Protein backbone atom coordinates (compact mmCIF):
# COMPACT_ATOMS: atom_id res chain seq x y z
CA MET A 1 163.65 170.68 -92.11
CA SER A 2 161.10 173.29 -91.29
CA VAL A 3 157.42 173.69 -91.81
CA SER A 4 155.99 176.96 -93.07
CA SER A 5 153.08 178.40 -91.16
CA SER A 6 152.86 181.92 -92.59
CA PRO A 7 149.21 183.11 -92.44
CA ALA A 8 149.40 184.54 -95.98
CA PHE A 9 150.87 181.31 -97.29
CA SER A 10 148.33 179.16 -95.43
CA SER A 11 145.37 181.01 -96.91
CA ARG A 12 146.89 180.80 -100.39
CA VAL A 13 147.49 177.04 -99.99
CA SER A 14 143.94 176.46 -98.82
CA ALA A 15 142.41 178.44 -101.68
CA SER A 16 144.63 176.92 -104.35
CA SER A 17 144.55 173.32 -103.20
CA SER A 18 140.80 173.21 -102.73
CA VAL A 19 140.36 173.96 -106.43
CA PHE A 20 142.62 171.06 -107.32
CA ALA A 21 141.12 168.72 -104.75
CA SER A 22 137.78 168.72 -106.53
CA SER A 23 139.21 167.23 -109.73
CA SER A 24 138.53 163.63 -108.61
CA PRO A 25 135.42 162.19 -107.02
CA ALA A 26 135.86 161.74 -103.28
CA THR A 27 134.61 158.16 -103.52
CA ALA A 28 137.13 156.97 -106.12
CA ALA A 29 140.81 156.44 -105.38
CA PRO A 30 142.87 158.73 -107.60
CA THR A 31 144.99 157.03 -110.24
CA GLN A 32 148.69 157.70 -110.80
CA ALA A 33 147.70 159.79 -113.83
CA GLU A 34 145.32 161.90 -111.72
CA LEU A 35 147.99 162.43 -109.07
CA LEU A 36 150.45 163.51 -111.77
CA ASP A 37 147.87 165.85 -113.30
CA PHE A 38 147.23 167.40 -109.87
CA ALA A 39 150.98 167.85 -109.30
CA ARG A 40 151.40 169.47 -112.75
CA ARG A 41 148.52 171.89 -112.27
CA THR A 42 149.68 172.81 -108.77
CA ALA A 43 153.30 173.26 -109.93
CA ALA A 44 152.03 175.67 -112.61
CA ASP A 45 150.47 177.92 -109.93
CA THR A 46 153.27 180.49 -109.89
CA GLU A 47 151.76 182.49 -107.01
CA LEU A 48 151.57 179.40 -104.80
CA ILE A 49 155.12 178.33 -105.68
CA ALA A 50 156.49 181.84 -105.03
CA ALA A 51 154.71 182.00 -101.65
CA LEU A 52 156.62 179.01 -100.19
CA PRO A 53 159.20 180.37 -97.74
CA LEU A 54 162.59 178.86 -98.58
CA ASP A 55 165.16 178.01 -95.91
CA PRO A 56 168.81 178.13 -97.02
CA GLN A 57 169.72 175.28 -94.63
CA GLY A 58 166.97 172.67 -94.89
CA ARG A 59 163.97 171.55 -96.86
CA THR A 60 160.65 173.27 -96.17
CA TRP A 61 157.27 171.77 -96.82
CA VAL A 62 153.57 172.48 -96.54
CA ARG A 63 150.79 169.93 -96.77
CA LEU A 64 148.19 170.46 -99.51
CA ALA A 65 144.75 168.94 -100.06
CA GLY A 66 145.21 166.41 -102.83
CA PRO A 67 142.57 164.89 -105.11
CA GLY A 68 140.31 162.09 -103.88
CA GLY A 69 141.67 162.03 -100.33
CA SER A 70 145.32 161.84 -101.38
CA GLU A 71 148.15 163.36 -99.41
CA ALA A 72 150.04 166.16 -101.16
CA TRP A 73 153.04 168.30 -100.31
CA LEU A 74 154.73 171.43 -101.63
CA ILE A 75 158.47 171.06 -100.90
CA GLY A 76 161.34 173.55 -101.09
CA TRP A 77 164.83 172.12 -101.69
CA PRO A 78 167.90 174.23 -100.85
CA PRO A 79 170.96 173.74 -103.05
CA GLY A 80 172.71 170.43 -102.37
CA THR A 81 169.87 168.70 -100.51
CA GLY A 82 168.17 165.38 -101.08
CA THR A 83 165.97 162.73 -99.55
CA GLY A 84 168.28 159.73 -99.36
CA TRP A 85 167.03 156.34 -100.58
CA HIS A 86 163.44 155.62 -99.54
CA ASP A 87 160.07 154.27 -100.66
CA HIS A 88 156.46 155.15 -99.91
CA ALA A 89 155.36 151.62 -98.98
CA GLU A 90 151.85 150.85 -100.27
CA SER A 91 151.18 154.29 -101.74
CA VAL A 92 151.32 155.22 -105.41
CA GLY A 93 152.52 158.71 -106.15
CA ALA A 94 153.63 161.45 -108.48
CA PHE A 95 155.79 164.53 -108.30
CA VAL A 96 156.57 167.50 -110.53
CA THR A 97 159.38 170.03 -110.30
CA ALA A 98 157.88 173.51 -110.10
CA ALA A 99 161.14 175.53 -109.96
CA GLY A 100 164.80 174.66 -110.40
CA GLU A 101 165.79 171.12 -111.33
CA LEU A 102 165.69 167.83 -109.44
CA ARG A 103 167.36 164.51 -110.16
CA GLU A 104 165.73 161.22 -109.32
CA ASN A 105 167.77 158.06 -108.90
CA ALA A 106 165.51 155.01 -108.83
CA LEU A 107 165.74 151.24 -108.75
CA ALA A 108 164.08 149.36 -111.61
CA ALA A 109 163.55 146.30 -109.44
CA ARG A 110 160.67 144.84 -107.46
CA LEU A 111 161.79 144.57 -103.84
CA PRO A 112 160.22 142.34 -101.20
CA THR A 113 157.73 144.39 -99.21
CA ASP A 114 158.68 143.21 -95.72
CA GLY A 115 160.83 140.79 -93.78
CA TRP A 116 164.30 141.80 -94.96
CA LYS A 117 167.12 144.03 -93.77
CA THR A 118 169.75 143.70 -96.54
CA LEU A 119 169.45 143.00 -100.27
CA GLU A 120 172.05 142.54 -102.95
CA LEU A 121 170.96 144.38 -106.10
CA THR A 122 171.65 143.07 -109.57
CA ASP A 123 173.44 144.99 -112.30
CA ASP A 124 171.41 147.39 -114.46
CA VAL A 125 168.74 148.26 -111.86
CA ASP A 126 169.73 151.92 -111.62
CA ARG A 127 167.70 154.57 -113.42
CA GLU A 128 168.32 158.32 -113.43
CA ARG A 129 165.95 161.10 -114.47
CA ARG A 130 166.62 164.81 -114.65
CA LEU A 131 163.47 166.77 -113.94
CA PRO A 132 163.66 170.48 -114.82
CA ALA A 133 160.76 172.80 -113.97
CA GLY A 134 157.51 171.45 -115.45
CA SER A 135 158.76 167.85 -115.60
CA GLY A 136 157.57 165.07 -113.36
CA ARG A 137 156.65 161.44 -113.07
CA ALA A 138 154.24 159.02 -111.49
CA PHE A 139 155.27 155.80 -109.75
CA GLY A 140 153.74 152.67 -108.27
CA ARG A 141 153.82 151.03 -104.87
CA HIS A 142 157.18 150.18 -103.27
CA HIS A 143 159.08 152.47 -105.67
CA VAL A 144 162.59 152.93 -104.21
CA HIS A 145 164.26 156.21 -105.12
CA GLU A 146 166.13 159.26 -103.96
CA VAL A 147 165.46 162.84 -105.06
CA LEU A 148 168.23 165.45 -105.17
CA ASN A 149 168.71 169.15 -105.85
CA GLU A 150 172.26 169.08 -107.19
CA SER A 151 172.45 172.82 -107.86
CA ARG A 152 175.02 174.70 -105.82
CA GLU A 153 173.13 177.98 -106.10
CA VAL A 154 169.43 177.54 -106.92
CA HIS A 155 166.56 176.35 -104.75
CA ALA A 156 164.18 173.84 -106.30
CA VAL A 157 160.48 173.51 -105.49
CA SER A 158 158.31 170.47 -106.18
CA VAL A 159 154.77 169.18 -105.70
CA HIS A 160 154.19 165.58 -104.51
CA ALA A 161 150.96 163.57 -104.15
CA TYR A 162 150.39 160.07 -102.71
CA TYR A 163 147.46 157.71 -102.40
CA PRO A 164 146.61 156.28 -100.03
CA PRO A 165 148.02 158.89 -97.65
CA LEU A 166 151.46 157.70 -96.63
CA PRO A 167 151.19 154.84 -94.11
CA ARG A 168 154.97 154.75 -93.73
CA ILE A 169 158.23 155.64 -95.42
CA ARG A 170 161.07 153.15 -95.40
CA ARG A 171 164.56 154.67 -95.47
CA TYR A 172 167.55 152.81 -96.90
CA SER A 173 171.30 153.14 -97.09
CA ARG A 174 173.17 151.98 -100.14
CA SER A 175 176.74 150.86 -100.62
CA GLY A 176 177.48 149.66 -104.14
CA HIS A 177 175.00 146.86 -104.87
CA VAL A 178 173.92 146.46 -101.24
CA LEU A 179 170.68 148.09 -100.11
CA ARG A 180 170.02 148.08 -96.36
CA LEU A 181 166.77 148.95 -94.59
CA GLU A 182 167.71 151.52 -91.93
CA GLN A 183 164.48 153.01 -90.59
CA VAL A 184 160.70 152.90 -90.92
CA GLU A 185 158.94 156.23 -90.38
CA ARG A 186 155.25 156.64 -89.63
CA PRO A 187 153.11 159.77 -90.27
CA GLU A 188 153.64 161.07 -86.74
CA ASP A 189 157.37 161.30 -87.54
CA TRP A 190 156.95 163.93 -90.29
CA GLN A 191 153.66 165.71 -89.62
């Protein structure tokens, strides 16, 4: 993974995201709907999306100013890349595909928040969504999913927003119906 620091891109991000950041009062926590609205409006900014440098080998990302103190990211996905199974702990969130197409695999199950290493999942917990450009979704706390760019040729770009700013990301491995907690990342691990 690489982080873009192009001066032209940085000034474009600052100008664009500050417009969006003012859509919610700073004193009120943004709702899932407001995060999704922010992600949609940002994903529709074709100049911003086109300015993200894309790496053919790994995901690229740039942090944006989200509404109401939320954390937001613009992410570039090379063909064949994905996140692996993870959740965003206590944060609610939303994301929208700005270019290309992403697939989200998610678990429709409430998992315990802490104190476990391995869980056996029941049948019928798997959900799949295809998210072409302009499509997105919001999600609640402890939402376990993986996001993939399955294209063999086309980069995808997406906008993500979380509130509160991510306190941690829990990463999982999955084998059949068994979900195993593998790692807990803190902000210093990805910023």
